[in-house]
């Protein structure tokens, strides 16, 4: 899918401000959608598209902080720049805690707006890259069979093929076969890549008893008293 141009959403109950912002940003080459009614914005915005929101903090129909909350709760949060003619300290703190990238006081300079937009769009780009990477990891991991997943986790823990074979109660050649499938399905070229891939997952251990046996095996192998029958 080709990269989409980001959309700058301007939400402010001051219609003249919306029109001025739209003229300015369109003139600078941005794709802009301006709304003087926050309810209309919430009904029409596309959270899956790239972009950011320039949002008025004080609106009678719906406060900016509430709009920000709704934007942030709709999937991966789109960056929000809050603007206001007068902003109290408490509102600013709440906005920043909720993830606002910047707060601009009207009247602000064009350079201030463009700098804030640059930070917001960079943050949005990074967020979308992380989401894409997570989805890629999820798809690749889902391609593994349950046994291949066990082998993957044990290899990531630093165990050798012969050790994994003992823990799983199978042959070393079978482990090698599963390990090869894991490397191919996950598109990994080395053990270092496998370990790095496993570190990115940060998944809960779905089989603590298996890993407990692996730990016991390593301890007993170190002491030279491996009892195979007690492990499988």
C-alpha atoms as a PDB file:
ATOM      1  CA  UNK A   1       0.000   0.000   0.000  1.00  0.00           C
ATOM      2  CA  UNK A   2       1.485   3.412  -0.982  1.00  0.00           C
ATOM      3  CA  UNK A   3       2.230   5.897   1.775  1.00  0.00           C
ATOM      4  CA  UNK A   4      -0.661   8.300   2.326  1.00  0.00           C
ATOM      5  CA  UNK A   5      -0.120  12.023   2.772  1.00  0.00           C
ATOM      6  CA  UNK A   6      -0.908  12.988   6.373  1.00  0.00           C
ATOM      7  CA  UNK A   7      -4.098  14.896   7.134  1.00  0.00           C
ATOM      8  CA  UNK A   8      -4.056  17.878   9.494  1.00  0.00           C
ATOM      9  CA  UNK A   9      -7.389  18.027  11.317  1.00  0.00           C
ATOM     10  CA  UNK A  10      -8.224  21.494  12.672  1.00  0.00           C
ATOM     11  CA  UNK A  11     -10.982  21.541  15.285  1.00  0.00           C
ATOM     12  CA  UNK A  12     -12.000  24.920  16.710  1.00  0.00           C
ATOM     13  CA  UNK A  13     -15.403  26.486  17.364  1.00  0.00           C
ATOM     14  CA  UNK A  14     -14.050  29.774  15.978  1.00  0.00           C
ATOM     15  CA  UNK A  15     -14.999  29.472  12.297  1.00  0.00           C
ATOM     16  CA  UNK A  16     -12.697  32.315  11.235  1.00  0.00           C
ATOM     17  CA  UNK A  17      -9.751  30.569  12.937  1.00  0.00           C
ATOM     18  CA  UNK A  18     -10.586  27.317  11.123  1.00  0.00           C
ATOM     19  CA  UNK A  19     -10.704  29.063   7.763  1.00  0.00           C
ATOM     20  CA  UNK A  20      -7.454  30.944   8.399  1.00  0.00           C
ATOM     21  CA  UNK A  21      -5.686  27.735   9.451  1.00  0.00           C
ATOM     22  CA  UNK A  22      -7.025  25.884   6.426  1.00  0.00           C
ATOM     23  CA  UNK A  23      -5.808  28.599   4.023  1.00  0.00           C
ATOM     24  CA  UNK A  24      -2.398  28.694   5.667  1.00  0.00           C
ATOM     25  CA  UNK A  25      -1.794  24.954   5.745  1.00  0.00           C
ATOM     26  CA  UNK A  26      -3.215  24.228   2.292  1.00  0.00           C
ATOM     27  CA  UNK A  27      -0.969  26.997   0.975  1.00  0.00           C
ATOM     28  CA  UNK A  28       1.988  25.195   2.550  1.00  0.00           C
ATOM     29  CA  UNK A  29       1.030  21.967   0.802  1.00  0.00           C
ATOM     30  CA  UNK A  30      -0.725  20.122   3.618  1.00  0.00           C
ATOM     31  CA  UNK A  31      -3.904  18.115   3.331  1.00  0.00           C
ATOM     32  CA  UNK A  32      -6.350  19.798   5.737  1.00  0.00           C
ATOM     33  CA  UNK A  33      -9.816  19.152   7.130  1.00  0.00           C
ATOM     34  CA  UNK A  34     -11.231  21.911   9.340  1.00  0.00           C
ATOM     35  CA  UNK A  35     -14.237  21.548  11.659  1.00  0.00           C
ATOM     36  CA  UNK A  36     -15.923  24.198  13.785  1.00  0.00           C
ATOM     37  CA  UNK A  37     -18.057  21.522  15.479  1.00  0.00           C
ATOM     38  CA  UNK A  38     -16.182  18.784  17.421  1.00  0.00           C
ATOM     39  CA  UNK A  39     -19.075  16.338  16.982  1.00  0.00           C
ATOM     40  CA  UNK A  40     -18.755  16.635  13.209  1.00  0.00           C
ATOM     41  CA  UNK A  41     -15.013  16.033  13.443  1.00  0.00           C
ATOM     42  CA  UNK A  42     -15.491  12.921  15.595  1.00  0.00           C
ATOM     43  CA  UNK A  43     -18.026  11.580  13.092  1.00  0.00           C
ATOM     44  CA  UNK A  44     -15.779  12.119  10.065  1.00  0.00           C
ATOM     45  CA  UNK A  45     -12.147  11.743  11.124  1.00  0.00           C
ATOM     46  CA  UNK A  46     -10.253   8.623  10.056  1.00  0.00           C
ATOM     47  CA  UNK A  47      -8.027   7.401  12.916  1.00  0.00           C
ATOM     48  CA  UNK A  48      -6.338   4.820  10.678  1.00  0.00           C
ATOM     49  CA  UNK A  49      -5.010   7.516   8.349  1.00  0.00           C
ATOM     50  CA  UNK A  50      -1.742   9.331   9.131  1.00  0.00           C
ATOM     51  CA  UNK A  51      -1.889  12.831  10.511  1.00  0.00           C
ATOM     52  CA  UNK A  52      -2.420  14.925  13.624  1.00  0.00           C
ATOM     53  CA  UNK A  53      -5.122  17.052  15.246  1.00  0.00           C
ATOM     54  CA  UNK A  54      -4.873  20.779  15.994  1.00  0.00           C
ATOM     55  CA  UNK A  55      -7.532  21.069  18.686  1.00  0.00           C
ATOM     56  CA  UNK A  56      -8.990  24.034  20.573  1.00  0.00           C
ATOM     57  CA  UNK A  57      -8.843  23.513  24.313  1.00  0.00           C
ATOM     58  CA  UNK A  58     -12.011  25.449  25.165  1.00  0.00           C
ATOM     59  CA  UNK A  59     -15.158  24.748  23.115  1.00  0.00           C
ATOM     60  CA  UNK A  60     -18.708  25.105  24.462  1.00  0.00           C
ATOM     61  CA  UNK A  61     -20.124  22.081  22.622  1.00  0.00           C
ATOM     62  CA  UNK A  62     -17.455  19.634  23.796  1.00  0.00           C
ATOM     63  CA  UNK A  63     -14.294  20.527  25.763  1.00  0.00           C
ATOM     64  CA  UNK A  64     -10.995  19.974  24.019  1.00  0.00           C
ATOM     65  CA  UNK A  65      -9.790  17.626  26.760  1.00  0.00           C
ATOM     66  CA  UNK A  66     -12.814  15.373  26.166  1.00  0.00           C
ATOM     67  CA  UNK A  67     -12.229  15.371  22.417  1.00  0.00           C
ATOM     68  CA  UNK A  68      -8.587  14.521  23.087  1.00  0.00           C
ATOM     69  CA  UNK A  69      -9.691  11.620  25.305  1.00  0.00           C
ATOM     70  CA  UNK A  70     -11.962  10.264  22.571  1.00  0.00           C
ATOM     71  CA  UNK A  71      -9.224  10.592  19.949  1.00  0.00           C
ATOM     72  CA  UNK A  72      -6.713   8.830  22.195  1.00  0.00           C
ATOM     73  CA  UNK A  73      -9.108   5.970  22.942  1.00  0.00           C
ATOM     74  CA  UNK A  74      -9.803   5.188  19.277  1.00  0.00           C
ATOM     75  CA  UNK A  75      -7.108   2.654  18.480  1.00  0.00           C
ATOM     76  CA  UNK A  76      -3.518   3.881  18.294  1.00  0.00           C
ATOM     77  CA  UNK A  77      -3.800   7.520  19.406  1.00  0.00           C
ATOM     78  CA  UNK A  78      -3.337  10.224  16.791  1.00  0.00           C
ATOM     79  CA  UNK A  79      -1.062  13.050  18.056  1.00  0.00           C
ATOM     80  CA  UNK A  80      -2.915  16.114  19.326  1.00  0.00           C
ATOM     81  CA  UNK A  81      -1.712  19.733  19.413  1.00  0.00           C
ATOM     82  CA  UNK A  82      -3.886  21.806  21.739  1.00  0.00           C
ATOM     83  CA  UNK A  83      -4.395  25.521  21.095  1.00  0.00           C
ATOM     84  CA  UNK A  84      -6.122  28.089  23.280  1.00  0.00           C
ATOM     85  CA  UNK A  85      -6.518  31.808  23.841  1.00  0.00           C
ATOM     86  CA  UNK A  86      -6.196  31.189  27.560  1.00  0.00           C
ATOM     87  CA  UNK A  87      -5.094  27.960  29.208  1.00  0.00           C
ATOM     88  CA  UNK A  88      -4.834  27.382  32.939  1.00  0.00           C
ATOM     89  CA  UNK A  89      -2.019  25.322  34.410  1.00  0.00           C
ATOM     90  CA  UNK A  90      -4.290  22.458  35.461  1.00  0.00           C
ATOM     91  CA  UNK A  91      -5.712  22.032  31.944  1.00  0.00           C
ATOM     92  CA  UNK A  92      -2.222  22.081  30.449  1.00  0.00           C
ATOM     93  CA  UNK A  93      -1.029  19.421  32.873  1.00  0.00           C
ATOM     94  CA  UNK A  94      -4.046  17.223  32.144  1.00  0.00           C
ATOM     95  CA  UNK A  95      -3.537  17.646  28.401  1.00  0.00           C
ATOM     96  CA  UNK A  96       0.151  16.720  28.533  1.00  0.00           C
ATOM     97  CA  UNK A  97      -0.556  13.727  30.770  1.00  0.00           C
ATOM     98  CA  UNK A  98      -3.141  12.600  28.214  1.00  0.00           C
ATOM     99  CA  UNK A  99      -0.473  12.688  25.514  1.00  0.00           C
ATOM    100  CA  UNK A 100      -0.731  16.116  23.873  1.00  0.00           C
ATOM    101  CA  UNK A 101       2.444  16.756  21.905  1.00  0.00           C
ATOM    102  CA  UNK A 102       2.259  20.563  22.311  1.00  0.00           C
ATOM    103  CA  UNK A 103       0.083  23.361  23.698  1.00  0.00           C
ATOM    104  CA  UNK A 104       0.098  26.636  21.759  1.00  0.00           C
ATOM    105  CA  UNK A 105      -1.314  29.889  23.070  1.00  0.00           C
ATOM    106  CA  UNK A 106      -3.159  32.107  20.595  1.00  0.00           C
ATOM    107  CA  UNK A 107      -2.007  34.134  18.842  1.00  0.00           C
ATOM    108  CA  UNK A 108       0.950  31.926  17.940  1.00  0.00           C
ATOM    109  CA  UNK A 109       3.567  32.368  15.253  1.00  0.00           C
ATOM    110  CA  UNK A 110       3.505  30.314  12.062  1.00  0.00           C
ATOM    111  CA  UNK A 111       6.945  28.969  12.972  1.00  0.00           C
ATOM    112  CA  UNK A 112       5.604  27.715  16.332  1.00  0.00           C
ATOM    113  CA  UNK A 113       2.742  25.905  14.609  1.00  0.00           C
ATOM    114  CA  UNK A 114       4.964  24.310  11.978  1.00  0.00           C
ATOM    115  CA  UNK A 115       7.466  23.162  14.600  1.00  0.00           C
ATOM    116  CA  UNK A 116       4.674  21.624  16.676  1.00  0.00           C
ATOM    117  CA  UNK A 117       3.199  19.931  13.604  1.00  0.00           C
ATOM    118  CA  UNK A 118       6.614  18.565  12.691  1.00  0.00           C
ATOM    119  CA  UNK A 119       6.945  16.941  16.126  1.00  0.00           C
ATOM    120  CA  UNK A 120       3.401  15.567  15.980  1.00  0.00           C
ATOM    121  CA  UNK A 121       3.766  14.091  12.490  1.00  0.00           C
ATOM    122  CA  UNK A 122       7.119  12.539  13.403  1.00  0.00           C
ATOM    123  CA  UNK A 123       5.509  10.942  16.448  1.00  0.00           C
ATOM    124  CA  UNK A 124       2.635   9.675  14.295  1.00  0.00           C
ATOM    125  CA  UNK A 125       5.048   8.199  11.756  1.00  0.00           C
ATOM    126  CA  UNK A 126       6.993   6.418  14.501  1.00  0.00           C
ATOM    127  CA  UNK A 127       3.774   5.078  16.028  1.00  0.00           C
ATOM    128  CA  UNK A 128       2.587   3.711  12.699  1.00  0.00           C
ATOM    129  CA  UNK A 129       5.948   2.070  12.057  1.00  0.00           C
ATOM    130  CA  UNK A 130       5.756   0.365  15.474  1.00  0.00           C
ATOM    131  CA  UNK A 131       2.200  -0.840  14.757  1.00  0.00           C
ATOM    132  CA  UNK A 132       3.290  -2.224  11.371  1.00  0.00           C
ATOM    133  CA  UNK A 133       6.255  -4.003  12.950  1.00  0.00           C
ATOM    134  CA  UNK A 134       4.057  -5.494  15.675  1.00  0.00           C
ATOM    135  CA  UNK A 135       1.595  -6.769  13.080  1.00  0.00           C
ATOM    136  CA  UNK A 136       4.440  -8.289  11.070  1.00  0.00           C
ATOM    137  CA  UNK A 137       5.732 -10.032  14.199  1.00  0.00           C
ATOM    138  CA  UNK A 138       2.244 -11.315  15.031  1.00  0.00           C
ATOM    139  CA  UNK A 139       1.709 -12.748  11.533  1.00  0.00           C
ATOM    140  CA  UNK A 140       5.111 -14.416  11.448  1.00  0.00           C
ATOM    141  CA  UNK A 141       4.699 -15.898  14.915  1.00  0.00           C
ATOM    142  CA  UNK A 142       1.223 -17.222  14.065  1.00  0.00           C
ATOM    143  CA  UNK A 143       2.755 -19.268  11.243  1.00  0.00           C
ATOM    144  CA  UNK A 144       4.589 -21.507  13.742  1.00  0.00           C
ATOM    145  CA  UNK A 145       3.135 -24.820  14.891  1.00  0.00           C
ATOM    146  CA  UNK A 146       2.865 -25.383  18.680  1.00  0.00           C
ATOM    147  CA  UNK A 147       6.005 -27.559  18.653  1.00  0.00           C
ATOM    148  CA  UNK A 148       7.932 -25.054  16.537  1.00  0.00           C
ATOM    149  CA  UNK A 149       6.936 -22.343  19.013  1.00  0.00           C
ATOM    150  CA  UNK A 150       8.317 -24.459  21.875  1.00  0.00           C
ATOM    151  CA  UNK A 151      11.588 -24.951  20.007  1.00  0.00           C
ATOM    152  CA  UNK A 152      11.738 -21.239  19.194  1.00  0.00           C
ATOM    153  CA  UNK A 153      11.345 -20.261  22.845  1.00  0.00           C
ATOM    154  CA  UNK A 154      13.922 -22.769  24.084  1.00  0.00           C
ATOM    155  CA  UNK A 155      16.458 -21.759  21.425  1.00  0.00           C
ATOM    156  CA  UNK A 156      15.906 -18.133  22.442  1.00  0.00           C
ATOM    157  CA  UNK A 157      16.740 -19.127  26.022  1.00  0.00           C
ATOM    158  CA  UNK A 158      20.163 -20.294  24.839  1.00  0.00           C
ATOM    159  CA  UNK A 159      19.609 -24.065  24.815  1.00  0.00           C
ATOM    160  CA  UNK A 160      21.413 -26.366  22.390  1.00  0.00           C
ATOM    161  CA  UNK A 161      19.568 -28.767  20.101  1.00  0.00           C
ATOM    162  CA  UNK A 162      20.510 -31.791  22.213  1.00  0.00           C
ATOM    163  CA  UNK A 163      19.304 -30.070  25.363  1.00  0.00           C
ATOM    164  CA  UNK A 164      15.997 -29.131  23.733  1.00  0.00           C
ATOM    165  CA  UNK A 165      15.588 -32.729  22.553  1.00  0.00           C
ATOM    166  CA  UNK A 166      15.859 -33.967  26.137  1.00  0.00           C
ATOM    167  CA  UNK A 167      13.430 -31.364  27.457  1.00  0.00           C
ATOM    168  CA  UNK A 168      10.852 -32.091  24.752  1.00  0.00           C
ATOM    169  CA  UNK A 169      11.380 -35.853  24.786  1.00  0.00           C
ATOM    170  CA  UNK A 170      12.283 -36.069  21.116  1.00  0.00           C
ATOM    171  CA  UNK A 171      15.302 -36.643  18.883  1.00  0.00           C
ATOM    172  CA  UNK A 172      17.992 -34.060  18.196  1.00  0.00           C
ATOM    173  CA  UNK A 173      17.392 -34.420  14.451  1.00  0.00           C
ATOM    174  CA  UNK A 174      13.718 -33.586  14.962  1.00  0.00           C
ATOM    175  CA  UNK A 175      14.702 -30.478  16.895  1.00  0.00           C
ATOM    176  CA  UNK A 176      17.032 -29.450  14.068  1.00  0.00           C
ATOM    177  CA  UNK A 177      14.162 -29.862  11.604  1.00  0.00           C
ATOM    178  CA  UNK A 178      11.804 -27.715  13.708  1.00  0.00           C
ATOM    179  CA  UNK A 179      14.547 -25.149  14.242  1.00  0.00           C
ATOM    180  CA  UNK A 180      15.025 -24.898  10.483  1.00  0.00           C
ATOM    181  CA  UNK A 181      11.297 -24.359  10.024  1.00  0.00           C
ATOM    182  CA  UNK A 182      11.369 -21.631  12.658  1.00  0.00           C
ATOM    183  CA  UNK A 183      14.226 -19.792  10.958  1.00  0.00           C
ATOM    184  CA  UNK A 184      12.502 -19.997   7.579  1.00  0.00           C
ATOM    185  CA  UNK A 185       9.012 -19.011   8.739  1.00  0.00           C
ATOM    186  CA  UNK A 186      10.273 -16.115  10.832  1.00  0.00           C
ATOM    187  CA  UNK A 187      12.686 -15.066   8.061  1.00  0.00           C
ATOM    188  CA  UNK A 188      15.680 -15.116  10.393  1.00  0.00           C
ATOM    189  CA  UNK A 189      19.256 -15.543   9.259  1.00  0.00           C
ATOM    190  CA  UNK A 190      21.124 -16.213  12.494  1.00  0.00           C
ATOM    191  CA  UNK A 191      20.797 -17.123  16.151  1.00  0.00           C
ATOM    192  CA  UNK A 192      21.404 -13.480  17.067  1.00  0.00           C
ATOM    193  CA  UNK A 193      18.409 -12.450  14.942  1.00  0.00           C
ATOM    194  CA  UNK A 194      16.288 -15.129  16.604  1.00  0.00           C
ATOM    195  CA  UNK A 195      17.191 -13.899  20.085  1.00  0.00           C
ATOM    196  CA  UNK A 196      16.522 -10.282  19.060  1.00  0.00           C
ATOM    197  CA  UNK A 197      13.160 -11.292  17.585  1.00  0.00           C
ATOM    198  CA  UNK A 198      12.237 -13.090  20.821  1.00  0.00           C
ATOM    199  CA  UNK A 199      13.205 -10.042  22.881  1.00  0.00           C
ATOM    200  CA  UNK A 200      10.826  -7.890  20.826  1.00  0.00           C
ATOM    201  CA  UNK A 201       7.875 -10.135  21.654  1.00  0.00           C
ATOM    202  CA  UNK A 202       7.797  -9.675  25.437  1.00  0.00           C
ATOM    203  CA  UNK A 203       5.089 -12.316  25.641  1.00  0.00           C
ATOM    204  CA  UNK A 204       3.846 -13.998  28.781  1.00  0.00           C
ATOM    205  CA  UNK A 205       5.211 -17.500  29.176  1.00  0.00           C
ATOM    206  CA  UNK A 206       2.417 -19.790  27.847  1.00  0.00           C
ATOM    207  CA  UNK A 207       4.107 -22.916  29.142  1.00  0.00           C
ATOM    208  CA  UNK A 208       5.824 -22.315  32.495  1.00  0.00           C
ATOM    209  CA  UNK A 209       6.144 -26.041  33.220  1.00  0.00           C
ATOM    210  CA  UNK A 210       8.141 -26.529  30.019  1.00  0.00           C
ATOM    211  CA  UNK A 211      10.538 -23.744  30.892  1.00  0.00           C
ATOM    212  CA  UNK A 212      10.816 -25.013  34.446  1.00  0.00           C
ATOM    213  CA  UNK A 213      11.993 -28.352  33.056  1.00  0.00           C
ATOM    214  CA  UNK A 214      14.449 -26.497  30.813  1.00  0.00           C
ATOM    215  CA  UNK A 215      15.836 -24.656  33.808  1.00  0.00           C
ATOM    216  CA  UNK A 216      16.195 -27.870  35.794  1.00  0.00           C
ATOM    217  CA  UNK A 217      17.926 -29.503  32.862  1.00  0.00           C
ATOM    218  CA  UNK A 218      20.518 -26.744  32.614  1.00  0.00           C
ATOM    219  CA  UNK A 219      21.190 -26.839  36.352  1.00  0.00           C
ATOM    220  CA  UNK A 220      21.510 -30.622  36.455  1.00  0.00           C
ATOM    221  CA  UNK A 221      23.652 -30.703  33.308  1.00  0.00           C
ATOM    222  CA  UNK A 222      26.012 -28.207  34.944  1.00  0.00           C
ATOM    223  CA  UNK A 223      26.380 -30.448  37.980  1.00  0.00           C
ATOM    224  CA  UNK A 224      26.671 -33.558  35.828  1.00  0.00           C
ATOM    225  CA  UNK A 225      23.571 -35.230  37.263  1.00  0.00           C
ATOM    226  CA  UNK A 226      21.005 -35.039  34.505  1.00  0.00           C
ATOM    227  CA  UNK A 227      18.109 -37.391  35.121  1.00  0.00           C
ATOM    228  CA  UNK A 228      16.436 -37.658  31.714  1.00  0.00           C
ATOM    229  CA  UNK A 229      13.455 -39.555  33.027  1.00  0.00           C
ATOM    230  CA  UNK A 230      12.592 -36.736  35.408  1.00  0.00           C
ATOM    231  CA  UNK A 231      12.548 -34.168  32.627  1.00  0.00           C
ATOM    232  CA  UNK A 232      10.276 -35.750  30.038  1.00  0.00           C
END
